[in-house]
PDB file of N, CA and C in Angstrom:
ATOM      1  N   MET A   1     -48.534  28.015  28.365  1.00  0.00           N
ATOM      2  CA  MET A   1     -48.101  28.980  27.384  1.00  0.00           C
ATOM      3  C   MET A   1     -49.034  28.872  26.182  1.00  0.00           C
ATOM      4  N   PRO A   2     -49.701  29.962  25.838  1.00  0.00           N
ATOM      5  CA  PRO A   2     -50.684  29.890  24.765  1.00  0.00           C
ATOM      6  C   PRO A   2     -50.040  29.942  23.391  1.00  0.00           C
ATOM      7  N   SER A   3     -50.819  29.628  22.422  1.00  0.00           N
ATOM      8  CA  SER A   3     -50.413  29.817  21.036  1.00  0.00           C
ATOM      9  C   SER A   3     -50.185  31.306  20.800  1.00  0.00           C
ATOM     10  N   TYR A   4     -49.211  31.639  19.969  1.00  0.00           N
ATOM     11  CA  TYR A   4     -48.967  33.038  19.645  1.00  0.00           C
ATOM     12  C   TYR A   4     -50.135  33.657  18.898  1.00  0.00           C
ATOM     13  N   ILE A   5     -50.927  32.838  18.231  1.00  0.00           N
ATOM     14  CA  ILE A   5     -52.018  33.395  17.448  1.00  0.00           C
ATOM     15  C   ILE A   5     -53.342  33.438  18.212  1.00  0.00           C
ATOM     16  N   GLU A   6     -53.346  32.966  19.451  1.00  0.00           N
ATOM     17  CA  GLU A   6     -54.576  33.008  20.240  1.00  0.00           C
ATOM     18  C   GLU A   6     -54.866  34.458  20.611  1.00  0.00           C
ATOM     19  N   PRO A   7     -55.952  35.058  20.098  1.00  0.00           N
ATOM     20  CA  PRO A   7     -56.177  36.483  20.295  1.00  0.00           C
ATOM     21  C   PRO A   7     -56.604  36.863  21.708  1.00  0.00           C
ATOM     22  N   PHE A   8     -57.261  35.970  22.425  1.00  0.00           N
ATOM     23  CA  PHE A   8     -57.826  36.348  23.715  1.00  0.00           C
ATOM     24  C   PHE A   8     -57.052  35.782  24.891  1.00  0.00           C
ATOM     25  N   GLY A   9     -56.643  34.574  24.827  1.00  0.00           N
ATOM     26  CA  GLY A   9     -55.922  33.976  25.936  1.00  0.00           C
ATOM     27  C   GLY A   9     -56.777  33.136  26.858  1.00  0.00           C
ATOM     28  N   LYS A  10     -57.724  32.406  26.280  1.00  0.00           N
ATOM     29  CA  LYS A  10     -58.595  31.599  27.147  1.00  0.00           C
ATOM     30  C   LYS A  10     -57.812  30.502  27.855  1.00  0.00           C
ATOM     31  N   VAL A  11     -56.706  30.070  27.280  1.00  0.00           N
ATOM     32  CA  VAL A  11     -55.856  29.074  27.950  1.00  0.00           C
ATOM     33  C   VAL A  11     -55.317  29.656  29.253  1.00  0.00           C
ATOM     34  N   ILE A  12     -54.961  30.933  29.234  1.00  0.00           N
ATOM     35  CA  ILE A  12     -54.456  31.608  30.424  1.00  0.00           C
ATOM     36  C   ILE A  12     -55.547  31.703  31.483  1.00  0.00           C
ATOM     37  N   VAL A  13     -56.733  32.107  31.080  1.00  0.00           N
ATOM     38  CA  VAL A  13     -57.861  32.198  32.014  1.00  0.00           C
ATOM     39  C   VAL A  13     -58.131  30.830  32.627  1.00  0.00           C
ATOM     40  N   GLU A  14     -58.190  29.797  31.813  1.00  0.00           N
ATOM     41  CA  GLU A  14     -58.435  28.443  32.321  1.00  0.00           C
ATOM     42  C   GLU A  14     -57.339  28.016  33.286  1.00  0.00           C
ATOM     43  N   ALA A  15     -56.090  28.319  32.980  1.00  0.00           N
ATOM     44  CA  ALA A  15     -54.984  27.941  33.859  1.00  0.00           C
ATOM     45  C   ALA A  15     -55.103  28.626  35.217  1.00  0.00           C
ATOM     46  N   ILE A  16     -55.431  29.902  35.212  1.00  0.00           N
ATOM     47  CA  ILE A  16     -55.558  30.623  36.473  1.00  0.00           C
ATOM     48  C   ILE A  16     -56.752  30.122  37.268  1.00  0.00           C
ATOM     49  N   ILE A  17     -57.858  29.842  36.592  1.00  0.00           N
ATOM     50  CA  ILE A  17     -59.026  29.297  37.293  1.00  0.00           C
ATOM     51  C   ILE A  17     -58.679  27.954  37.944  1.00  0.00           C
ATOM     52  N   ARG A  18     -57.794  27.199  37.324  1.00  0.00           N
ATOM     53  CA  ARG A  18     -57.355  25.919  37.898  1.00  0.00           C
ATOM     54  C   ARG A  18     -56.261  26.094  38.946  1.00  0.00           C
ATOM     55  N   GLY A  19     -55.809  27.350  39.160  1.00  0.00           N
ATOM     56  CA  GLY A  19     -54.822  27.623  40.199  1.00  0.00           C
ATOM     57  C   GLY A  19     -53.383  27.432  39.775  1.00  0.00           C
ATOM     58  N   ASN A  20     -53.130  27.423  38.481  1.00  0.00           N
ATOM     59  CA  ASN A  20     -51.765  27.224  37.982  1.00  0.00           C
ATOM     60  C   ASN A  20     -51.009  28.538  37.881  1.00  0.00           C
ATOM     61  N   VAL A  21     -49.707  28.483  38.158  1.00  0.00           N
ATOM     62  CA  VAL A  21     -48.835  29.626  37.921  1.00  0.00           C
ATOM     63  C   VAL A  21     -48.625  29.710  36.413  1.00  0.00           C
ATOM     64  N   VAL A  22     -48.693  30.917  35.863  1.00  0.00           N
ATOM     65  CA  VAL A  22     -48.678  31.105  34.426  1.00  0.00           C
ATOM     66  C   VAL A  22     -47.453  31.910  33.989  1.00  0.00           C
ATOM     67  N   VAL A  23     -46.767  31.411  32.975  1.00  0.00           N
ATOM     68  CA  VAL A  23     -45.760  32.167  32.238  1.00  0.00           C
ATOM     69  C   VAL A  23     -46.306  32.248  30.828  1.00  0.00           C
ATOM     70  N   ALA A  24     -46.464  33.473  30.306  1.00  0.00           N
ATOM     71  CA  ALA A  24     -47.140  33.632  29.023  1.00  0.00           C
ATOM     72  C   ALA A  24     -46.494  34.726  28.185  1.00  0.00           C
ATOM     73  N   THR A  25     -46.863  34.747  26.920  1.00  0.00           N
ATOM     74  CA  THR A  25     -46.330  35.751  26.012  1.00  0.00           C
ATOM     75  C   THR A  25     -47.005  37.109  26.234  1.00  0.00           C
ATOM     76  N   LYS A  26     -46.279  38.159  25.896  1.00  0.00           N
ATOM     77  CA  LYS A  26     -46.850  39.509  25.874  1.00  0.00           C
ATOM     78  C   LYS A  26     -47.455  39.704  24.499  1.00  0.00           C
ATOM     79  N   SER A  27     -48.509  38.952  24.195  1.00  0.00           N
ATOM     80  CA  SER A  27     -49.128  39.042  22.875  1.00  0.00           C
ATOM     81  C   SER A  27     -50.631  38.849  23.012  1.00  0.00           C
ATOM     82  N   GLY A  28     -51.334  39.176  21.950  1.00  0.00           N
ATOM     83  CA  GLY A  28     -52.787  39.046  21.972  1.00  0.00           C
ATOM     84  C   GLY A  28     -53.384  39.860  23.101  1.00  0.00           C
ATOM     85  N   GLY A  29     -54.359  39.298  23.770  1.00  0.00           N
ATOM     86  CA  GLY A  29     -55.017  39.986  24.875  1.00  0.00           C
ATOM     87  C   GLY A  29     -54.410  39.688  26.234  1.00  0.00           C
ATOM     88  N   ILE A  30     -53.325  38.930  26.262  1.00  0.00           N
ATOM     89  CA  ILE A  30     -52.742  38.511  27.536  1.00  0.00           C
ATOM     90  C   ILE A  30     -52.339  39.699  28.421  1.00  0.00           C
ATOM     91  N   PRO A  31     -51.634  40.706  27.911  1.00  0.00           N
ATOM     92  CA  PRO A  31     -51.266  41.821  28.798  1.00  0.00           C
ATOM     93  C   PRO A  31     -52.478  42.541  29.390  1.00  0.00           C
ATOM     94  N   GLU A  32     -53.595  42.554  28.669  1.00  0.00           N
ATOM     95  CA  GLU A  32     -54.804  43.187  29.206  1.00  0.00           C
ATOM     96  C   GLU A  32     -55.462  42.314  30.272  1.00  0.00           C
ATOM     97  N   ILE A  33     -55.385  41.018  30.105  1.00  0.00           N
ATOM     98  CA  ILE A  33     -55.963  40.106  31.091  1.00  0.00           C
ATOM     99  C   ILE A  33     -55.115  40.073  32.352  1.00  0.00           C
ATOM    100  N   LEU A  34     -53.800  40.054  32.180  1.00  0.00           N
ATOM    101  CA  LEU A  34     -52.868  39.959  33.308  1.00  0.00           C
ATOM    102  C   LEU A  34     -52.099  41.275  33.462  1.00  0.00           C
ATOM    103  N   ARG A  35     -52.808  42.302  33.849  1.00  0.00           N
ATOM    104  CA  ARG A  35     -52.183  43.627  34.012  1.00  0.00           C
ATOM    105  C   ARG A  35     -51.129  43.587  35.115  1.00  0.00           C
ATOM    106  N   ASN A  36     -49.996  44.217  34.851  1.00  0.00           N
ATOM    107  CA  ASN A  36     -48.901  44.320  35.828  1.00  0.00           C
ATOM    108  C   ASN A  36     -48.384  42.966  36.300  1.00  0.00           C
ATOM    109  N   TYR A  37     -48.505  41.961  35.489  1.00  0.00           N
ATOM    110  CA  TYR A  37     -48.029  40.612  35.822  1.00  0.00           C
ATOM    111  C   TYR A  37     -46.638  40.469  35.228  1.00  0.00           C
ATOM    112  N   ASP A  38     -45.661  40.157  36.059  1.00  0.00           N
ATOM    113  CA  ASP A  38     -44.273  40.211  35.594  1.00  0.00           C
ATOM    114  C   ASP A  38     -43.721  38.893  35.053  1.00  0.00           C
ATOM    115  N   LEU A  39     -44.587  37.935  34.777  1.00  0.00           N
ATOM    116  CA  LEU A  39     -44.125  36.684  34.159  1.00  0.00           C
ATOM    117  C   LEU A  39     -44.546  36.595  32.689  1.00  0.00           C
ATOM    118  N   LEU A  40     -44.705  37.747  32.052  1.00  0.00           N
ATOM    119  CA  LEU A  40     -45.004  37.782  30.618  1.00  0.00           C
ATOM    120  C   LEU A  40     -43.705  38.013  29.866  1.00  0.00           C
ATOM    121  N   PHE A  41     -43.431  37.163  28.881  1.00  0.00           N
ATOM    122  CA  PHE A  41     -42.178  37.283  28.140  1.00  0.00           C
ATOM    123  C   PHE A  41     -42.427  37.810  26.738  1.00  0.00           C
ATOM    124  N   GLU A  42     -41.394  38.414  26.186  1.00  0.00           N
ATOM    125  CA  GLU A  42     -41.469  38.953  24.828  1.00  0.00           C
ATOM    126  C   GLU A  42     -41.547  37.822  23.819  1.00  0.00           C
ATOM    127  N   ARG A  43     -42.465  37.950  22.922  1.00  0.00           N
ATOM    128  CA  ARG A  43     -42.652  36.938  21.878  1.00  0.00           C
ATOM    129  C   ARG A  43     -41.354  36.726  21.090  1.00  0.00           C
ATOM    130  N   ASP A  44     -41.075  35.469  20.764  1.00  0.00           N
ATOM    131  CA  ASP A  44     -39.890  35.077  20.000  1.00  0.00           C
ATOM    132  C   ASP A  44     -38.579  35.402  20.715  1.00  0.00           C
ATOM    133  N   ASN A  45     -38.621  35.523  22.028  1.00  0.00           N
ATOM    134  CA  ASN A  45     -37.414  35.795  22.798  1.00  0.00           C
ATOM    135  C   ASN A  45     -37.218  34.647  23.786  1.00  0.00           C
ATOM    136  N   PHE A  46     -36.467  33.636  23.337  1.00  0.00           N
ATOM    137  CA  PHE A  46     -36.282  32.426  24.138  1.00  0.00           C
ATOM    138  C   PHE A  46     -35.607  32.732  25.469  1.00  0.00           C
ATOM    139  N   GLU A  47     -34.640  33.628  25.468  1.00  0.00           N
ATOM    140  CA  GLU A  47     -33.933  33.972  26.707  1.00  0.00           C
ATOM    141  C   GLU A  47     -34.890  34.590  27.720  1.00  0.00           C
ATOM    142  N   ASP A  48     -35.779  35.454  27.265  1.00  0.00           N
ATOM    143  CA  ASP A  48     -36.774  36.058  28.147  1.00  0.00           C
ATOM    144  C   ASP A  48     -37.710  34.992  28.714  1.00  0.00           C
ATOM    145  N   LEU A  49     -38.129  34.051  27.871  1.00  0.00           N
ATOM    146  CA  LEU A  49     -38.978  32.941  28.331  1.00  0.00           C
ATOM    147  C   LEU A  49     -38.286  32.156  29.434  1.00  0.00           C
ATOM    148  N   VAL A  50     -37.039  31.782  29.200  1.00  0.00           N
ATOM    149  CA  VAL A  50     -36.286  30.994  30.199  1.00  0.00           C
ATOM    150  C   VAL A  50     -36.144  31.780  31.499  1.00  0.00           C
ATOM    151  N   ASN A  51     -35.848  33.066  31.409  1.00  0.00           N
ATOM    152  CA  ASN A  51     -35.708  33.883  32.615  1.00  0.00           C
ATOM    153  C   ASN A  51     -37.014  33.971  33.397  1.00  0.00           C
ATOM    154  N   LYS A  52     -38.135  34.101  32.699  1.00  0.00           N
ATOM    155  CA  LYS A  52     -39.440  34.165  33.384  1.00  0.00           C
ATOM    156  C   LYS A  52     -39.777  32.818  34.027  1.00  0.00           C
ATOM    157  N   MET A  53     -39.421  31.731  33.357  1.00  0.00           N
ATOM    158  CA  MET A  53     -39.676  30.405  33.939  1.00  0.00           C
ATOM    159  C   MET A  53     -38.817  30.189  35.187  1.00  0.00           C
ATOM    160  N   LYS A  54     -37.567  30.621  35.134  1.00  0.00           N
ATOM    161  CA  LYS A  54     -36.695  30.521  36.313  1.00  0.00           C
ATOM    162  C   LYS A  54     -37.242  31.365  37.462  1.00  0.00           C
ATOM    163  N   LYS A  55     -37.719  32.549  37.125  1.00  0.00           N
ATOM    164  CA  LYS A  55     -38.293  33.436  38.145  1.00  0.00           C
ATOM    165  C   LYS A  55     -39.531  32.799  38.778  1.00  0.00           C
ATOM    166  N   ALA A  56     -40.387  32.201  37.955  1.00  0.00           N
ATOM    167  CA  ALA A  56     -41.589  31.528  38.469  1.00  0.00           C
ATOM    168  C   ALA A  56     -41.201  30.374  39.391  1.00  0.00           C
ATOM    169  N   TYR A  57     -40.190  29.630  39.001  1.00  0.00           N
ATOM    170  CA  TYR A  57     -39.749  28.480  39.807  1.00  0.00           C
ATOM    171  C   TYR A  57     -39.128  28.937  41.126  1.00  0.00           C
ATOM    172  N   ALA A  58     -38.273  29.949  41.055  1.00  0.00           N
ATOM    173  CA  ALA A  58     -37.573  30.425  42.250  1.00  0.00           C
ATOM    174  C   ALA A  58     -38.523  31.075  43.254  1.00  0.00           C
ATOM    175  N   ASN A  59     -39.622  31.641  42.754  1.00  0.00           N
ATOM    176  CA  ASN A  59     -40.581  32.346  43.618  1.00  0.00           C
ATOM    177  C   ASN A  59     -41.962  31.701  43.522  1.00  0.00           C
ATOM    178  N   PHE A  60     -41.983  30.384  43.453  1.00  0.00           N
ATOM    179  CA  PHE A  60     -43.220  29.676  43.179  1.00  0.00           C
ATOM    180  C   PHE A  60     -44.324  30.011  44.176  1.00  0.00           C
ATOM    181  N   ASP A  61     -44.018  30.024  45.471  1.00  0.00           N
ATOM    182  CA  ASP A  61     -45.055  30.297  46.476  1.00  0.00           C
ATOM    183  C   ASP A  61     -45.676  31.681  46.281  1.00  0.00           C
ATOM    184  N   TYR A  62     -44.854  32.659  45.974  1.00  0.00           N
ATOM    185  CA  TYR A  62     -45.360  34.010  45.727  1.00  0.00           C
ATOM    186  C   TYR A  62     -46.331  34.012  44.544  1.00  0.00           C
ATOM    187  N   TYR A  63     -45.912  33.407  43.429  1.00  0.00           N
ATOM    188  CA  TYR A  63     -46.768  33.417  42.232  1.00  0.00           C
ATOM    189  C   TYR A  63     -47.990  32.523  42.398  1.00  0.00           C
ATOM    190  N   ARG A  64     -47.870  31.468  43.155  1.00  0.00           N
ATOM    191  CA  ARG A  64     -49.031  30.611  43.437  1.00  0.00           C
ATOM    192  C   ARG A  64     -50.078  31.408  44.212  1.00  0.00           C
ATOM    193  N   ASN A  65     -49.642  32.141  45.238  1.00  0.00           N
ATOM    194  CA  ASN A  65     -50.577  32.967  46.007  1.00  0.00           C
ATOM    195  C   ASN A  65     -51.184  34.062  45.148  1.00  0.00           C
ATOM    196  N   LEU A  66     -50.376  34.659  44.282  1.00  0.00           N
ATOM    197  CA  LEU A  66     -50.878  35.677  43.362  1.00  0.00           C
ATOM    198  C   LEU A  66     -51.938  35.091  42.427  1.00  0.00           C
ATOM    199  N   THR A  67     -51.669  33.903  41.922  1.00  0.00           N
ATOM    200  CA  THR A  67     -52.627  33.217  41.049  1.00  0.00           C
ATOM    201  C   THR A  67     -53.933  32.946  41.781  1.00  0.00           C
ATOM    202  N   LEU A  68     -53.837  32.484  43.014  1.00  0.00           N
ATOM    203  CA  LEU A  68     -55.048  32.195  43.781  1.00  0.00           C
ATOM    204  C   LEU A  68     -55.852  33.458  44.058  1.00  0.00           C
ATOM    205  N   LYS A  69     -55.171  34.598  44.203  1.00  0.00           N
ATOM    206  CA  LYS A  69     -55.884  35.866  44.378  1.00  0.00           C
ATOM    207  C   LYS A  69     -56.611  36.260  43.091  1.00  0.00           C
ATOM    208  N   MET A  70     -56.001  35.982  41.948  1.00  0.00           N
ATOM    209  CA  MET A  70     -56.615  36.315  40.660  1.00  0.00           C
ATOM    210  C   MET A  70     -57.749  35.358  40.304  1.00  0.00           C
ATOM    211  N   GLN A  71     -57.743  34.185  40.883  1.00  0.00           N
ATOM    212  CA  GLN A  71     -58.690  33.122  40.529  1.00  0.00           C
ATOM    213  C   GLN A  71     -60.142  33.571  40.662  1.00  0.00           C
ATOM    214  N   LYS A  72     -60.502  34.163  41.772  1.00  0.00           N
ATOM    215  CA  LYS A  72     -61.895  34.590  41.993  1.00  0.00           C
ATOM    216  C   LYS A  72     -62.324  35.617  40.953  1.00  0.00           C
ATOM    217  N   ASP A  73     -61.432  36.548  40.644  1.00  0.00           N
ATOM    218  CA  ASP A  73     -61.745  37.578  39.659  1.00  0.00           C
ATOM    219  C   ASP A  73     -61.955  36.959  38.282  1.00  0.00           C
ATOM    220  N   MET A  74     -61.116  35.991  37.928  1.00  0.00           N
ATOM    221  CA  MET A  74     -61.248  35.317  36.627  1.00  0.00           C
ATOM    222  C   MET A  74     -62.566  34.554  36.538  1.00  0.00           C
ATOM    223  N   ILE A  75     -62.924  33.883  37.608  1.00  0.00           N
ATOM    224  CA  ILE A  75     -64.191  33.137  37.622  1.00  0.00           C
ATOM    225  C   ILE A  75     -65.362  34.093  37.459  1.00  0.00           C
ATOM    226  N   LYS A  76     -65.300  35.222  38.142  1.00  0.00           N
ATOM    227  CA  LYS A  76     -66.378  36.214  38.067  1.00  0.00           C
ATOM    228  C   LYS A  76     -66.483  36.828  36.672  1.00  0.00           C
ATOM    229  N   LYS A  77     -65.352  37.229  36.108  1.00  0.00           N
ATOM    230  CA  LYS A  77     -65.358  37.926  34.823  1.00  0.00           C
ATOM    231  C   LYS A  77     -65.626  37.018  33.633  1.00  0.00           C
ATOM    232  N   PHE A  78     -65.122  35.797  33.656  1.00  0.00           N
ATOM    233  CA  PHE A  78     -65.114  34.982  32.452  1.00  0.00           C
ATOM    234  C   PHE A  78     -66.012  33.753  32.510  1.00  0.00           C
ATOM    235  N   ARG A  79     -67.004  33.755  33.382  1.00  0.00           N
ATOM    236  CA  ARG A  79     -67.933  32.626  33.408  1.00  0.00           C
ATOM    237  C   ARG A  79     -68.912  32.753  32.241  1.00  0.00           C
ATOM    238  N   MET A  80     -69.382  31.647  31.748  1.00  0.00           N
ATOM    239  CA  MET A  80     -70.230  31.616  30.551  1.00  0.00           C
ATOM    240  C   MET A  80     -71.526  32.407  30.733  1.00  0.00           C
ATOM    241  N   GLU A  81     -72.104  32.363  31.927  1.00  0.00           N
ATOM    242  CA  GLU A  81     -73.362  33.072  32.159  1.00  0.00           C
ATOM    243  C   GLU A  81     -73.178  34.579  31.982  1.00  0.00           C
ATOM    244  N   ARG A  82     -72.062  35.118  32.474  1.00  0.00           N
ATOM    245  CA  ARG A  82     -71.814  36.545  32.342  1.00  0.00           C
ATOM    246  C   ARG A  82     -71.589  36.929  30.886  1.00  0.00           C
ATOM    247  N   VAL A  83     -70.838  36.127  30.166  1.00  0.00           N
ATOM    248  CA  VAL A  83     -70.586  36.400  28.754  1.00  0.00           C
ATOM    249  C   VAL A  83     -71.900  36.354  27.970  1.00  0.00           C
ATOM    250  N   ALA A  84     -72.723  35.336  28.238  1.00  0.00           N
ATOM    251  CA  ALA A  84     -74.016  35.228  27.555  1.00  0.00           C
ATOM    252  C   ALA A  84     -74.899  36.429  27.882  1.00  0.00           C
ATOM    253  N   GLU A  85     -74.891  36.859  29.125  1.00  0.00           N
ATOM    254  CA  GLU A  85     -75.684  38.021  29.529  1.00  0.00           C
ATOM    255  C   GLU A  85     -75.207  39.286  28.805  1.00  0.00           C
ATOM    256  N   ASP A  86     -73.902  39.445  28.672  1.00  0.00           N
ATOM    257  CA  ASP A  86     -73.368  40.607  27.945  1.00  0.00           C
ATOM    258  C   ASP A  86     -73.822  40.596  26.475  1.00  0.00           C
ATOM    259  N   TYR A  87     -73.751  39.431  25.852  1.00  0.00           N
ATOM    260  CA  TYR A  87     -74.217  39.332  24.457  1.00  0.00           C
ATOM    261  C   TYR A  87     -75.709  39.625  24.351  1.00  0.00           C
ATOM    262  N   TYR A  88     -76.488  39.105  25.279  1.00  0.00           N
ATOM    263  CA  TYR A  88     -77.923  39.348  25.283  1.00  0.00           C
ATOM    264  C   TYR A  88     -78.203  40.846  25.434  1.00  0.00           C
ATOM    265  N   ASN A  89     -77.536  41.483  26.392  1.00  0.00           N
ATOM    266  CA  ASN A  89     -77.744  42.919  26.610  1.00  0.00           C
ATOM    267  C   ASN A  89     -77.330  43.738  25.384  1.00  0.00           C
ATOM    268  N   LEU A  90     -76.280  43.340  24.714  1.00  0.00           N
ATOM    269  CA  LEU A  90     -75.866  44.016  23.493  1.00  0.00           C
ATOM    270  C   LEU A  90     -76.930  43.867  22.418  1.00  0.00           C
ATOM    271  N   PHE A  91     -77.453  42.626  22.261  1.00  0.00           N
ATOM    272  CA  PHE A  91     -78.490  42.365  21.282  1.00  0.00           C
ATOM    273  C   PHE A  91     -79.728  43.216  21.559  1.00  0.00           C
ATOM    274  N   VAL A  92     -80.153  43.270  22.805  1.00  0.00           N
ATOM    275  CA  VAL A  92     -81.339  44.042  23.175  1.00  0.00           C
ATOM    276  C   VAL A  92     -81.101  45.521  22.891  1.00  0.00           C
ATOM    277  N   SER A  93     -79.904  46.022  23.176  1.00  0.00           N
ATOM    278  CA  SER A  93     -79.634  47.442  22.952  1.00  0.00           C
ATOM    279  C   SER A  93     -79.604  47.813  21.489  1.00  0.00           C
ATOM    280  N   LEU A  94     -79.300  46.852  20.619  1.00  0.00           N
ATOM    281  CA  LEU A  94     -79.299  47.125  19.175  1.00  0.00           C
ATOM    282  C   LEU A  94     -80.714  47.188  18.652  1.00  0.00           C
TER     283      LEU A  94
END
């Protein structure tokens, strides 16, 4: 679960790359990173958090497989070489 003030959600990306099932807030960039992911809870809503954690636990195999499917995409999109290349291309275009 990331900090509420984390704007991008690198903790979430790292967790998925490590193959962990993620329960996270619907804040910052998390909803954009995890589109249509149903284990995102409303910020400052403890009951919603508990319900999402129970759902993750009750359906662990499903969410584990879902995480493993997302893993390759996360590695491809968020590796340092790709980010550096994007910055370089932006610099060159300016």
